[in-house]
Amino acid sequence: MNISSLHGLVASPYKSAYISAKHGLNGLTKTVALEAAEHGMTVNAVCPSYVRTPLVEKQIADQARLHGISEEAVIRDVMLAPAAIKRLLEPEEVAAYVTFLCSDAAAGITGAEQLIDAGWTAR
């Protein structure tokens, strides 16, 4: 199981290194899925949108200072503007999805980019 990002599927300005790395991780996921299938293993990449983590909380504070806007405005107008569901994901939501993908119930899912993106890529 790999943790990628919605930025492994779509681009945003000023994130070229991060986005390139996530696109590479998604390609690696597909390749390893093909190689591991004969051994009964599945390999997927979970691609979340913004998750409420210490790293994201720091990014919110940094962007607020940089642009002279409130942290709420950063979340609402920058991070969540493209999303259908207007909230950050919680780490437990991503963990629950990963748990499902590692279970026997998901034994037929492999080589896939699994979105949990609050509707970011629905557009």
PDB file of N, CA and C in Angstrom:
ATOM      1  N   MET A   1       0.849  -1.168   0.000  1.00  0.00           N
ATOM      2  CA  MET A   1       0.000   0.000   0.000  1.00  0.00           C
ATOM      3  C   MET A   1       0.896   1.233   0.000  1.00  0.00           C
ATOM      4  N   ASN A   2       0.597   2.131  -0.904  1.00  0.00           N
ATOM      5  CA  ASN A   2       1.316   3.399  -0.971  1.00  0.00           C
ATOM      6  C   ASN A   2       0.362   4.539  -0.661  1.00  0.00           C
ATOM      7  N   ILE A   3       0.864   5.535   0.026  1.00  0.00           N
ATOM      8  CA  ILE A   3       0.074   6.741   0.258  1.00  0.00           C
ATOM      9  C   ILE A   3       0.582   7.792  -0.711  1.00  0.00           C
ATOM     10  N   SER A   4      -0.234   8.081  -1.687  1.00  0.00           N
ATOM     11  CA  SER A   4       0.080   9.079  -2.699  1.00  0.00           C
ATOM     12  C   SER A   4      -0.673  10.357  -2.333  1.00  0.00           C
ATOM     13  N   SER A   5      -1.328  10.940  -3.289  1.00  0.00           N
ATOM     14  CA  SER A   5      -2.043  12.201  -3.085  1.00  0.00           C
ATOM     15  C   SER A   5      -2.925  12.440  -4.295  1.00  0.00           C
ATOM     16  N   LEU A   6      -3.931  13.269  -4.126  1.00  0.00           N
ATOM     17  CA  LEU A   6      -4.695  13.663  -5.304  1.00  0.00           C
ATOM     18  C   LEU A   6      -3.776  14.375  -6.277  1.00  0.00           C
ATOM     19  N   HIS A   7      -2.667  14.935  -5.772  1.00  0.00           N
ATOM     20  CA  HIS A   7      -1.692  15.568  -6.648  1.00  0.00           C
ATOM     21  C   HIS A   7      -0.867  14.547  -7.420  1.00  0.00           C
ATOM     22  N   GLY A   8      -1.092  13.280  -7.202  1.00  0.00           N
ATOM     23  CA  GLY A   8      -0.549  12.255  -8.072  1.00  0.00           C
ATOM     24  C   GLY A   8      -1.382  12.086  -9.326  1.00  0.00           C
ATOM     25  N   LEU A   9      -2.541  12.744  -9.356  1.00  0.00           N
ATOM     26  CA  LEU A   9      -3.467  12.657 -10.486  1.00  0.00           C
ATOM     27  C   LEU A   9      -3.712  14.001 -11.162  1.00  0.00           C
ATOM     28  N   VAL A  10      -3.676  15.073 -10.398  1.00  0.00           N
ATOM     29  CA  VAL A  10      -3.906  16.418 -10.932  1.00  0.00           C
ATOM     30  C   VAL A  10      -2.782  17.330 -10.450  1.00  0.00           C
ATOM     31  N   ALA A  11      -2.564  18.391 -11.178  1.00  0.00           N
ATOM     32  CA  ALA A  11      -1.493  19.321 -10.832  1.00  0.00           C
ATOM     33  C   ALA A  11      -2.044  20.586 -10.189  1.00  0.00           C
ATOM     34  N   SER A  12      -1.198  21.228  -9.417  1.00  0.00           N
ATOM     35  CA  SER A  12      -1.443  22.554  -8.859  1.00  0.00           C
ATOM     36  C   SER A  12      -0.157  23.347  -9.037  1.00  0.00           C
ATOM     37  N   PRO A  13      -0.274  24.647  -9.232  1.00  0.00           N
ATOM     38  CA  PRO A  13       0.945  25.435  -9.430  1.00  0.00           C
ATOM     39  C   PRO A  13       1.856  25.442  -8.203  1.00  0.00           C
ATOM     40  N   TYR A  14       3.138  25.605  -8.455  1.00  0.00           N
ATOM     41  CA  TYR A  14       4.176  25.767  -7.427  1.00  0.00           C
ATOM     42  C   TYR A  14       4.430  24.516  -6.597  1.00  0.00           C
ATOM     43  N   LYS A  15       4.090  23.353  -7.125  1.00  0.00           N
ATOM     44  CA  LYS A  15       4.300  22.100  -6.403  1.00  0.00           C
ATOM     45  C   LYS A  15       4.954  21.067  -7.307  1.00  0.00           C
ATOM     46  N   SER A  16       5.834  21.497  -8.193  1.00  0.00           N
ATOM     47  CA  SER A  16       6.344  20.588  -9.224  1.00  0.00           C
ATOM     48  C   SER A  16       7.088  19.387  -8.638  1.00  0.00           C
ATOM     49  N   ALA A  17       7.918  19.586  -7.621  1.00  0.00           N
ATOM     50  CA  ALA A  17       8.658  18.452  -7.057  1.00  0.00           C
ATOM     51  C   ALA A  17       7.707  17.466  -6.394  1.00  0.00           C
ATOM     52  N   TYR A  18       6.774  17.966  -5.597  1.00  0.00           N
ATOM     53  CA  TYR A  18       5.824  17.102  -4.890  1.00  0.00           C
ATOM     54  C   TYR A  18       4.961  16.339  -5.886  1.00  0.00           C
ATOM     55  N   ILE A  19       4.438  17.040  -6.866  1.00  0.00           N
ATOM     56  CA  ILE A  19       3.548  16.412  -7.849  1.00  0.00           C
ATOM     57  C   ILE A  19       4.300  15.386  -8.691  1.00  0.00           C
ATOM     58  N   SER A  20       5.515  15.697  -9.069  1.00  0.00           N
ATOM     59  CA  SER A  20       6.325  14.734  -9.823  1.00  0.00           C
ATOM     60  C   SER A  20       6.566  13.471  -9.008  1.00  0.00           C
ATOM     61  N   ALA A  21       6.864  13.642  -7.734  1.00  0.00           N
ATOM     62  CA  ALA A  21       7.099  12.483  -6.867  1.00  0.00           C
ATOM     63  C   ALA A  21       5.844  11.623  -6.748  1.00  0.00           C
ATOM     64  N   LYS A  22       4.687  12.245  -6.598  1.00  0.00           N
ATOM     65  CA  LYS A  22       3.444  11.487  -6.447  1.00  0.00           C
ATOM     66  C   LYS A  22       3.049  10.788  -7.747  1.00  0.00           C
ATOM     67  N   HIS A  23       3.275  11.423  -8.890  1.00  0.00           N
ATOM     68  CA  HIS A  23       3.021  10.749 -10.167  1.00  0.00           C
ATOM     69  C   HIS A  23       3.937   9.542 -10.304  1.00  0.00           C
ATOM     70  N   GLY A  24       5.192   9.686  -9.887  1.00  0.00           N
ATOM     71  CA  GLY A  24       6.127   8.562  -9.914  1.00  0.00           C
ATOM     72  C   GLY A  24       5.691   7.440  -8.996  1.00  0.00           C
ATOM     73  N   LEU A  25       5.214   7.785  -7.811  1.00  0.00           N
ATOM     74  CA  LEU A  25       4.731   6.770  -6.870  1.00  0.00           C
ATOM     75  C   LEU A  25       3.550   6.014  -7.463  1.00  0.00           C
ATOM     76  N   ASN A  26       2.652   6.709  -8.150  1.00  0.00           N
ATOM     77  CA  ASN A  26       1.515   6.031  -8.774  1.00  0.00           C
ATOM     78  C   ASN A  26       1.977   5.071  -9.869  1.00  0.00           C
ATOM     79  N   GLY A  27       2.984   5.464 -10.638  1.00  0.00           N
ATOM     80  CA  GLY A  27       3.541   4.557 -11.641  1.00  0.00           C
ATOM     81  C   GLY A  27       4.202   3.348 -11.002  1.00  0.00           C
ATOM     82  N   LEU A  28       4.942   3.567  -9.929  1.00  0.00           N
ATOM     83  CA  LEU A  28       5.565   2.463  -9.196  1.00  0.00           C
ATOM     84  C   LEU A  28       4.497   1.505  -8.670  1.00  0.00           C
ATOM     85  N   THR A  29       3.406   2.055  -8.154  1.00  0.00           N
ATOM     86  CA  THR A  29       2.310   1.234  -7.637  1.00  0.00           C
ATOM     87  C   THR A  29       1.798   0.283  -8.708  1.00  0.00           C
ATOM     88  N   LYS A  30       1.566   0.797  -9.904  1.00  0.00           N
ATOM     89  CA  LYS A  30       1.046  -0.034 -10.990  1.00  0.00           C
ATOM     90  C   LYS A  30       2.044  -1.116 -11.392  1.00  0.00           C
ATOM     91  N   THR A  31       3.312  -0.749 -11.476  1.00  0.00           N
ATOM     92  CA  THR A  31       4.339  -1.716 -11.864  1.00  0.00           C
ATOM     93  C   THR A  31       4.469  -2.832 -10.839  1.00  0.00           C
ATOM     94  N   VAL A  32       4.547  -2.457  -9.562  1.00  0.00           N
ATOM     95  CA  VAL A  32       4.701  -3.471  -8.520  1.00  0.00           C
ATOM     96  C   VAL A  32       3.442  -4.332  -8.423  1.00  0.00           C
ATOM     97  N   ALA A  33       2.274  -3.755  -8.669  1.00  0.00           N
ATOM     98  CA  ALA A  33       1.048  -4.557  -8.669  1.00  0.00           C
ATOM     99  C   ALA A  33       1.121  -5.663  -9.710  1.00  0.00           C
ATOM    100  N   LEU A  34       1.636  -5.340 -10.890  1.00  0.00           N
ATOM    101  CA  LEU A  34       1.778  -6.361 -11.932  1.00  0.00           C
ATOM    102  C   LEU A  34       2.792  -7.427 -11.528  1.00  0.00           C
ATOM    103  N   GLU A  35       3.866  -7.009 -10.903  1.00  0.00           N
ATOM    104  CA  GLU A  35       4.915  -7.952 -10.509  1.00  0.00           C
ATOM    105  C   GLU A  35       4.507  -8.818  -9.315  1.00  0.00           C
ATOM    106  N   ALA A  36       3.712  -8.272  -8.409  1.00  0.00           N
ATOM    107  CA  ALA A  36       3.369  -8.971  -7.167  1.00  0.00           C
ATOM    108  C   ALA A  36       2.130  -9.846  -7.288  1.00  0.00           C
ATOM    109  N   ALA A  37       1.337  -9.655  -8.329  1.00  0.00           N
ATOM    110  CA  ALA A  37       0.071 -10.381  -8.457  1.00  0.00           C
ATOM    111  C   ALA A  37       0.263 -11.893  -8.447  1.00  0.00           C
ATOM    112  N   GLU A  38       1.306 -12.377  -9.101  1.00  0.00           N
ATOM    113  CA  GLU A  38       1.528 -13.822  -9.156  1.00  0.00           C
ATOM    114  C   GLU A  38       1.864 -14.407  -7.786  1.00  0.00           C
ATOM    115  N   HIS A  39       2.174 -13.551  -6.819  1.00  0.00           N
ATOM    116  CA  HIS A  39       2.468 -13.993  -5.456  1.00  0.00           C
ATOM    117  C   HIS A  39       1.284 -13.768  -4.522  1.00  0.00           C
ATOM    118  N   GLY A  40       0.128 -13.408  -5.096  1.00  0.00           N
ATOM    119  CA  GLY A  40      -1.076 -13.203  -4.306  1.00  0.00           C
ATOM    120  C   GLY A  40      -1.115 -11.887  -3.539  1.00  0.00           C
ATOM    121  N   MET A  41      -0.307 -10.944  -3.972  1.00  0.00           N
ATOM    122  CA  MET A  41      -0.262  -9.651  -3.287  1.00  0.00           C
ATOM    123  C   MET A  41      -0.953  -8.578  -4.114  1.00  0.00           C
ATOM    124  N   THR A  42      -1.597  -7.655  -3.430  1.00  0.00           N
ATOM    125  CA  THR A  42      -2.181  -6.500  -4.091  1.00  0.00           C
ATOM    126  C   THR A  42      -1.386  -5.261  -3.702  1.00  0.00           C
ATOM    127  N   VAL A  43      -1.352  -4.300  -4.615  1.00  0.00           N
ATOM    128  CA  VAL A  43      -0.634  -3.042  -4.385  1.00  0.00           C
ATOM    129  C   VAL A  43      -1.491  -1.916  -4.944  1.00  0.00           C
ATOM    130  N   ASN A  44      -1.801  -0.955  -4.095  1.00  0.00           N
ATOM    131  CA  ASN A  44      -2.610   0.189  -4.504  1.00  0.00           C
ATOM    132  C   ASN A  44      -1.996   1.459  -3.954  1.00  0.00           C
ATOM    133  N   ALA A  45      -2.428   2.578  -4.502  1.00  0.00           N
ATOM    134  CA  ALA A  45      -2.026   3.888  -4.002  1.00  0.00           C
ATOM    135  C   ALA A  45      -3.277   4.623  -3.535  1.00  0.00           C
ATOM    136  N   VAL A  46      -3.286   5.033  -2.297  1.00  0.00           N
ATOM    137  CA  VAL A  46      -4.385   5.846  -1.771  1.00  0.00           C
ATOM    138  C   VAL A  46      -4.028   7.302  -2.030  1.00  0.00           C
ATOM    139  N   CYS A  47      -4.971   8.021  -2.623  1.00  0.00           N
ATOM    140  CA  CYS A  47      -4.743   9.397  -3.064  1.00  0.00           C
ATOM    141  C   CYS A  47      -5.698  10.351  -2.347  1.00  0.00           C
ATOM    142  N   PRO A  48      -5.331  10.780  -1.154  1.00  0.00           N
ATOM    143  CA  PRO A  48      -6.219  11.693  -0.426  1.00  0.00           C
ATOM    144  C   PRO A  48      -6.013  13.151  -0.838  1.00  0.00           C
ATOM    145  N   SER A  49      -7.034  13.944  -0.588  1.00  0.00           N
ATOM    146  CA  SER A  49      -6.882  15.392  -0.676  1.00  0.00           C
ATOM    147  C   SER A  49      -6.240  15.840   0.641  1.00  0.00           C
ATOM    148  N   TYR A  50      -6.414  17.092   1.007  1.00  0.00           N
ATOM    149  CA  TYR A  50      -5.774  17.603   2.217  1.00  0.00           C
ATOM    150  C   TYR A  50      -6.311  16.896   3.460  1.00  0.00           C
ATOM    151  N   VAL A  51      -5.384  16.382   4.260  1.00  0.00           N
ATOM    152  CA  VAL A  51      -5.703  15.664   5.495  1.00  0.00           C
ATOM    153  C   VAL A  51      -5.209  16.506   6.664  1.00  0.00           C
ATOM    154  N   ARG A  52      -6.011  16.594   7.698  1.00  0.00           N
ATOM    155  CA  ARG A  52      -5.646  17.382   8.876  1.00  0.00           C
ATOM    156  C   ARG A  52      -4.501  16.676   9.621  1.00  0.00           C
ATOM    157  N   THR A  53      -3.288  17.036   9.253  1.00  0.00           N
ATOM    158  CA  THR A  53      -2.080  16.495   9.879  1.00  0.00           C
ATOM    159  C   THR A  53      -1.239  17.674  10.367  1.00  0.00           C
ATOM    160  N   PRO A  54      -0.233  17.426  11.199  1.00  0.00           N
ATOM    161  CA  PRO A  54       0.643  18.522  11.614  1.00  0.00           C
ATOM    162  C   PRO A  54       1.290  19.248  10.423  1.00  0.00           C
ATOM    163  N   LEU A  55       1.665  18.513   9.380  1.00  0.00           N
ATOM    164  CA  LEU A  55       2.256  19.143   8.200  1.00  0.00           C
ATOM    165  C   LEU A  55       1.271  20.104   7.538  1.00  0.00           C
ATOM    166  N   VAL A  56       0.026  19.669   7.349  1.00  0.00           N
ATOM    167  CA  VAL A  56      -0.979  20.527   6.720  1.00  0.00           C
ATOM    168  C   VAL A  56      -1.310  21.714   7.621  1.00  0.00           C
ATOM    169  N   GLU A  57      -1.400  21.498   8.917  1.00  0.00           N
ATOM    170  CA  GLU A  57      -1.660  22.609   9.845  1.00  0.00           C
ATOM    171  C   GLU A  57      -0.562  23.665   9.737  1.00  0.00           C
ATOM    172  N   LYS A  58       0.691  23.230   9.590  1.00  0.00           N
ATOM    173  CA  LYS A  58       1.802  24.176   9.416  1.00  0.00           C
ATOM    174  C   LYS A  58       1.672  24.902   8.086  1.00  0.00           C
ATOM    175  N   GLN A  59       1.285  24.191   7.034  1.00  0.00           N
ATOM    176  CA  GLN A  59       1.101  24.829   5.730  1.00  0.00           C
ATOM    177  C   GLN A  59       0.009  25.887   5.792  1.00  0.00           C
ATOM    178  N   ILE A  60      -1.056  25.598   6.512  1.00  0.00           N
ATOM    179  CA  ILE A  60      -2.150  26.561   6.654  1.00  0.00           C
ATOM    180  C   ILE A  60      -1.636  27.829   7.322  1.00  0.00           C
ATOM    181  N   ALA A  61      -0.928  27.672   8.436  1.00  0.00           N
ATOM    182  CA  ALA A  61      -0.402  28.835   9.164  1.00  0.00           C
ATOM    183  C   ALA A  61       0.588  29.618   8.297  1.00  0.00           C
ATOM    184  N   ASP A  62       1.464  28.913   7.586  1.00  0.00           N
ATOM    185  CA  ASP A  62       2.447  29.576   6.723  1.00  0.00           C
ATOM    186  C   ASP A  62       1.768  30.357   5.605  1.00  0.00           C
ATOM    187  N   GLN A  63       0.766  29.756   4.964  1.00  0.00           N
ATOM    188  CA  GLN A  63       0.052  30.437   3.878  1.00  0.00           C
ATOM    189  C   GLN A  63      -0.717  31.656   4.388  1.00  0.00           C
ATOM    190  N   ALA A  64      -1.280  31.543   5.575  1.00  0.00           N
ATOM    191  CA  ALA A  64      -2.006  32.679   6.164  1.00  0.00           C
ATOM    192  C   ALA A  64      -1.054  33.855   6.375  1.00  0.00           C
ATOM    193  N   ARG A  65       0.112  33.585   6.947  1.00  0.00           N
ATOM    194  CA  ARG A  65       1.107  34.645   7.159  1.00  0.00           C
ATOM    195  C   ARG A  65       1.595  35.222   5.832  1.00  0.00           C
ATOM    196  N   LEU A  66       1.910  34.350   4.893  1.00  0.00           N
ATOM    197  CA  LEU A  66       2.446  34.773   3.601  1.00  0.00           C
ATOM    198  C   LEU A  66       1.476  35.688   2.855  1.00  0.00           C
ATOM    199  N   HIS A  67       0.193  35.340   2.885  1.00  0.00           N
ATOM    200  CA  HIS A  67      -0.806  36.078   2.106  1.00  0.00           C
ATOM    201  C   HIS A  67      -1.585  37.104   2.926  1.00  0.00           C
ATOM    202  N   GLY A  68      -1.312  37.167   4.224  1.00  0.00           N
ATOM    203  CA  GLY A  68      -2.013  38.131   5.071  1.00  0.00           C
ATOM    204  C   GLY A  68      -3.501  37.864   5.177  1.00  0.00           C
ATOM    205  N   ILE A  69      -3.868  36.585   5.216  1.00  0.00           N
ATOM    206  CA  ILE A  69      -5.273  36.213   5.358  1.00  0.00           C
ATOM    207  C   ILE A  69      -5.404  35.277   6.548  1.00  0.00           C
ATOM    208  N   SER A  70      -6.622  35.040   6.969  1.00  0.00           N
ATOM    209  CA  SER A  70      -6.839  34.153   8.109  1.00  0.00           C
ATOM    210  C   SER A  70      -6.596  32.699   7.718  1.00  0.00           C
ATOM    211  N   GLU A  71      -6.342  31.872   8.715  1.00  0.00           N
ATOM    212  CA  GLU A  71      -6.181  30.440   8.462  1.00  0.00           C
ATOM    213  C   GLU A  71      -7.467  29.851   7.894  1.00  0.00           C
ATOM    214  N   GLU A  72      -8.605  30.341   8.371  1.00  0.00           N
ATOM    215  CA  GLU A  72      -9.890  29.866   7.847  1.00  0.00           C
ATOM    216  C   GLU A  72     -10.013  30.181   6.355  1.00  0.00           C
ATOM    217  N   ALA A  73      -9.519  31.363   5.957  1.00  0.00           N
ATOM    218  CA  ALA A  73      -9.571  31.740   4.539  1.00  0.00           C
ATOM    219  C   ALA A  73      -8.650  30.853   3.702  1.00  0.00           C
ATOM    220  N   VAL A  74      -7.497  30.494   4.240  1.00  0.00           N
ATOM    221  CA  VAL A  74      -6.597  29.585   3.526  1.00  0.00           C
ATOM    222  C   VAL A  74      -7.306  28.257   3.276  1.00  0.00           C
ATOM    223  N   ILE A  75      -7.908  27.711   4.320  1.00  0.00           N
ATOM    224  CA  ILE A  75      -8.610  26.436   4.179  1.00  0.00           C
ATOM    225  C   ILE A  75      -9.747  26.561   3.176  1.00  0.00           C
ATOM    226  N   ARG A  76     -10.596  27.559   3.361  1.00  0.00           N
ATOM    227  CA  ARG A  76     -11.797  27.723   2.536  1.00  0.00           C
ATOM    228  C   ARG A  76     -11.471  28.111   1.095  1.00  0.00           C
ATOM    229  N   ASP A  77     -10.618  29.128   0.911  1.00  0.00           N
ATOM    230  CA  ASP A  77     -10.435  29.731  -0.406  1.00  0.00           C
ATOM    231  C   ASP A  77      -9.275  29.148  -1.208  1.00  0.00           C
ATOM    232  N   VAL A  78      -8.373  28.462  -0.547  1.00  0.00           N
ATOM    233  CA  VAL A  78      -7.218  27.896  -1.255  1.00  0.00           C
ATOM    234  C   VAL A  78      -7.315  26.374  -1.280  1.00  0.00           C
ATOM    235  N   MET A  79      -7.290  25.771  -0.119  1.00  0.00           N
ATOM    236  CA  MET A  79      -7.225  24.311  -0.054  1.00  0.00           C
ATOM    237  C   MET A  79      -8.521  23.632  -0.473  1.00  0.00           C
ATOM    238  N   LEU A  80      -9.649  24.165  -0.070  1.00  0.00           N
ATOM    239  CA  LEU A  80     -10.914  23.478  -0.319  1.00  0.00           C
ATOM    240  C   LEU A  80     -11.715  24.036  -1.492  1.00  0.00           C
ATOM    241  N   ALA A  81     -11.215  25.062  -2.134  1.00  0.00           N
ATOM    242  CA  ALA A  81     -11.962  25.663  -3.246  1.00  0.00           C
ATOM    243  C   ALA A  81     -12.354  24.637  -4.311  1.00  0.00           C
ATOM    244  N   PRO A  82     -11.461  23.735  -4.730  1.00  0.00           N
ATOM    245  CA  PRO A  82     -11.846  22.769  -5.769  1.00  0.00           C
ATOM    246  C   PRO A  82     -12.679  21.590  -5.265  1.00  0.00           C
ATOM    247  N   ALA A  83     -12.787  21.411  -3.967  1.00  0.00           N
ATOM    248  CA  ALA A  83     -13.443  20.227  -3.405  1.00  0.00           C
ATOM    249  C   ALA A  83     -14.954  20.373  -3.380  1.00  0.00           C
ATOM    250  N   ALA A  84     -15.654  19.267  -3.560  1.00  0.00           N
ATOM    251  CA  ALA A  84     -17.114  19.263  -3.418  1.00  0.00           C
ATOM    252  C   ALA A  84     -17.511  19.284  -1.945  1.00  0.00           C
ATOM    253  N   ILE A  85     -16.802  18.509  -1.132  1.00  0.00           N
ATOM    254  CA  ILE A  85     -17.043  18.468   0.314  1.00  0.00           C
ATOM    255  C   ILE A  85     -16.054  19.434   0.941  1.00  0.00           C
ATOM    256  N   LYS A  86     -16.541  20.461   1.577  1.00  0.00           N
ATOM    257  CA  LYS A  86     -15.719  21.573   2.044  1.00  0.00           C
ATOM    258  C   LYS A  86     -15.191  21.347   3.455  1.00  0.00           C
ATOM    259  N   ARG A  87     -14.313  20.367   3.588  1.00  0.00           N
ATOM    260  CA  ARG A  87     -13.632  20.131   4.862  1.00  0.00           C
ATOM    261  C   ARG A  87     -12.367  19.338   4.608  1.00  0.00           C
ATOM    262  N   LEU A  88     -11.427  19.456   5.541  1.00  0.00           N
ATOM    263  CA  LEU A  88     -10.228  18.639   5.487  1.00  0.00           C
ATOM    264  C   LEU A  88     -10.599  17.209   5.860  1.00  0.00           C
ATOM    265  N   LEU A  89      -9.900  16.260   5.296  1.00  0.00           N
ATOM    266  CA  LEU A  89     -10.080  14.867   5.710  1.00  0.00           C
ATOM    267  C   LEU A  89      -9.395  14.663   7.056  1.00  0.00           C
ATOM    268  N   GLU A  90      -9.884  13.704   7.801  1.00  0.00           N
ATOM    269  CA  GLU A  90      -9.262  13.342   9.074  1.00  0.00           C
ATOM    270  C   GLU A  90      -8.376  12.114   8.844  1.00  0.00           C
ATOM    271  N   PRO A  91      -7.259  12.010   9.560  1.00  0.00           N
ATOM    272  CA  PRO A  91      -6.372  10.853   9.380  1.00  0.00           C
ATOM    273  C   PRO A  91      -7.095   9.515   9.543  1.00  0.00           C
ATOM    274  N   GLU A  92      -8.079   9.452  10.440  1.00  0.00           N
ATOM    275  CA  GLU A  92      -8.812   8.209  10.668  1.00  0.00           C
ATOM    276  C   GLU A  92      -9.583   7.760   9.425  1.00  0.00           C
ATOM    277  N   GLU A  93     -10.038   8.709   8.610  1.00  0.00           N
ATOM    278  CA  GLU A  93     -10.747   8.349   7.382  1.00  0.00           C
ATOM    279  C   GLU A  93      -9.813   7.659   6.395  1.00  0.00           C
ATOM    280  N   VAL A  94      -8.614   8.185   6.272  1.00  0.00           N
ATOM    281  CA  VAL A  94      -7.629   7.583   5.377  1.00  0.00           C
ATOM    282  C   VAL A  94      -7.226   6.208   5.911  1.00  0.00           C
ATOM    283  N   ALA A  95      -7.025   6.121   7.221  1.00  0.00           N
ATOM    284  CA  ALA A  95      -6.653   4.836   7.833  1.00  0.00           C
ATOM    285  C   ALA A  95      -7.733   3.784   7.607  1.00  0.00           C
ATOM    286  N   ALA A  96      -8.988   4.169   7.705  1.00  0.00           N
ATOM    287  CA  ALA A  96     -10.081   3.218   7.487  1.00  0.00           C
ATOM    288  C   ALA A  96     -10.092   2.720   6.041  1.00  0.00           C
ATOM    289  N   TYR A  97      -9.812   3.609   5.105  1.00  0.00           N
ATOM    290  CA  TYR A  97      -9.774   3.213   3.695  1.00  0.00           C
ATOM    291  C   TYR A  97      -8.612   2.256   3.438  1.00  0.00           C
ATOM    292  N   VAL A  98      -7.457   2.561   4.006  1.00  0.00           N
ATOM    293  CA  VAL A  98      -6.288   1.690   3.874  1.00  0.00           C
ATOM    294  C   VAL A  98      -6.588   0.318   4.482  1.00  0.00           C
ATOM    295  N   THR A  99      -7.229   0.312   5.640  1.00  0.00           N
ATOM    296  CA  THR A  99      -7.584  -0.952   6.294  1.00  0.00           C
ATOM    297  C   THR A  99      -8.469  -1.792   5.377  1.00  0.00           C
ATOM    298  N   PHE A 100      -9.468  -1.163   4.765  1.00  0.00           N
ATOM    299  CA  PHE A 100     -10.327  -1.888   3.825  1.00  0.00           C
ATOM    300  C   PHE A 100      -9.507  -2.464   2.669  1.00  0.00           C
ATOM    301  N   LEU A 101      -8.637  -1.642   2.080  1.00  0.00           N
ATOM    302  CA  LEU A 101      -7.860  -2.098   0.923  1.00  0.00           C
ATOM    303  C   LEU A 101      -6.889  -3.218   1.267  1.00  0.00           C
ATOM    304  N   CYS A 102      -6.521  -3.320   2.529  1.00  0.00           N
ATOM    305  CA  CYS A 102      -5.637  -4.406   2.974  1.00  0.00           C
ATOM    306  C   CYS A 102      -6.418  -5.649   3.407  1.00  0.00           C
ATOM    307  N   SER A 103      -7.732  -5.577   3.369  1.00  0.00           N
ATOM    308  CA  SER A 103      -8.556  -6.698   3.823  1.00  0.00           C
ATOM    309  C   SER A 103      -8.876  -7.652   2.673  1.00  0.00           C
ATOM    310  N   ASP A 104      -9.375  -8.825   3.026  1.00  0.00           N
ATOM    311  CA  ASP A 104      -9.788  -9.801   2.016  1.00  0.00           C
ATOM    312  C   ASP A 104     -10.936  -9.279   1.160  1.00  0.00           C
ATOM    313  N   ALA A 105     -11.741  -8.358   1.707  1.00  0.00           N
ATOM    314  CA  ALA A 105     -12.856  -7.796   0.945  1.00  0.00           C
ATOM    315  C   ALA A 105     -12.377  -7.032  -0.286  1.00  0.00           C
ATOM    316  N   ALA A 106     -11.121  -6.600  -0.288  1.00  0.00           N
ATOM    317  CA  ALA A 106     -10.570  -5.850  -1.413  1.00  0.00           C
ATOM    318  C   ALA A 106      -9.536  -6.667  -2.200  1.00  0.00           C
ATOM    319  N   ALA A 107      -9.610  -7.973  -2.101  1.00  0.00           N
ATOM    320  CA  ALA A 107      -8.602  -8.841  -2.713  1.00  0.00           C
ATOM    321  C   ALA A 107      -8.530  -8.715  -4.237  1.00  0.00           C
ATOM    322  N   GLY A 108      -9.550  -8.197  -4.866  1.00  0.00           N
ATOM    323  CA  GLY A 108      -9.543  -8.040  -6.321  1.00  0.00           C
ATOM    324  C   GLY A 108      -9.143  -6.652  -6.782  1.00  0.00           C
ATOM    325  N   ILE A 109      -8.725  -5.808  -5.864  1.00  0.00           N
ATOM    326  CA  ILE A 109      -8.337  -4.435  -6.217  1.00  0.00           C
ATOM    327  C   ILE A 109      -6.822  -4.344  -6.175  1.00  0.00           C
ATOM    328  N   THR A 110      -6.220  -4.065  -7.328  1.00  0.00           N
ATOM    329  CA  THR A 110      -4.764  -3.911  -7.364  1.00  0.00           C
ATOM    330  C   THR A 110      -4.361  -3.006  -8.516  1.00  0.00           C
ATOM    331  N   GLY A 111      -3.238  -2.326  -8.330  1.00  0.00           N
ATOM    332  CA  GLY A 111      -2.716  -1.435  -9.365  1.00  0.00           C
ATOM    333  C   GLY A 111      -3.542  -0.186  -9.549  1.00  0.00           C
ATOM    334  N   ALA A 112      -4.311   0.174  -8.533  1.00  0.00           N
ATOM    335  CA  ALA A 112      -5.268   1.267  -8.673  1.00  0.00           C
ATOM    336  C   ALA A 112      -4.888   2.473  -7.832  1.00  0.00           C
ATOM    337  N   GLU A 113      -5.271   3.617  -8.338  1.00  0.00           N
ATOM    338  CA  GLU A 113      -5.172   4.863  -7.590  1.00  0.00           C
ATOM    339  C   GLU A 113      -6.529   5.069  -6.926  1.00  0.00           C
ATOM    340  N   GLN A 114      -6.551   4.902  -5.636  1.00  0.00           N
ATOM    341  CA  GLN A 114      -7.798   4.949  -4.878  1.00  0.00           C
ATOM    342  C   GLN A 114      -7.992   6.345  -4.298  1.00  0.00           C
ATOM    343  N   LEU A 115      -8.998   7.029  -4.791  1.00  0.00           N
ATOM    344  CA  LEU A 115      -9.255   8.406  -4.362  1.00  0.00           C
ATOM    345  C   LEU A 115     -10.039   8.461  -3.063  1.00  0.00           C
ATOM    346  N   ILE A 116      -9.640   9.360  -2.208  1.00  0.00           N
ATOM    347  CA  ILE A 116     -10.432   9.800  -1.064  1.00  0.00           C
ATOM    348  C   ILE A 116     -10.174  11.304  -1.018  1.00  0.00           C
ATOM    349  N   ASP A 117     -10.857  12.018  -1.912  1.00  0.00           N
ATOM    350  CA  ASP A 117     -10.468  13.398  -2.203  1.00  0.00           C
ATOM    351  C   ASP A 117     -11.575  14.430  -2.036  1.00  0.00           C
ATOM    352  N   ALA A 118     -12.641  14.075  -1.348  1.00  0.00           N
ATOM    353  CA  ALA A 118     -13.738  15.016  -1.081  1.00  0.00           C
ATOM    354  C   ALA A 118     -14.284  15.646  -2.368  1.00  0.00           C
ATOM    355  N   GLY A 119     -14.168  14.902  -3.463  1.00  0.00           N
ATOM    356  CA  GLY A 119     -14.715  15.374  -4.732  1.00  0.00           C
ATOM    357  C   GLY A 119     -13.814  16.311  -5.514  1.00  0.00           C
ATOM    358  N   TRP A 120     -12.550  16.431  -5.125  1.00  0.00           N
ATOM    359  CA  TRP A 120     -11.606  17.318  -5.827  1.00  0.00           C
ATOM    360  C   TRP A 120     -11.550  17.000  -7.309  1.00  0.00           C
ATOM    361  N   THR A 121     -11.447  15.718  -7.664  1.00  0.00           N
ATOM    362  CA  THR A 121     -11.231  15.337  -9.064  1.00  0.00           C
ATOM    363  C   THR A 121     -12.539  15.081  -9.817  1.00  0.00           C
ATOM    364  N   ALA A 122     -13.661  15.388  -9.197  1.00  0.00           N
ATOM    365  CA  ALA A 122     -14.949  15.190  -9.878  1.00  0.00           C
ATOM    366  C   ALA A 122     -15.169  16.215 -10.988  1.00  0.00           C
ATOM    367  N   ARG A 123     -14.410  17.258 -10.990  1.00  0.00           N
ATOM    368  CA  ARG A 123     -14.608  18.334 -11.991  1.00  0.00           C
ATOM    369  C   ARG A 123     -13.905  17.993 -13.286  1.00  0.00           C
TER     370      ARG A 123
END
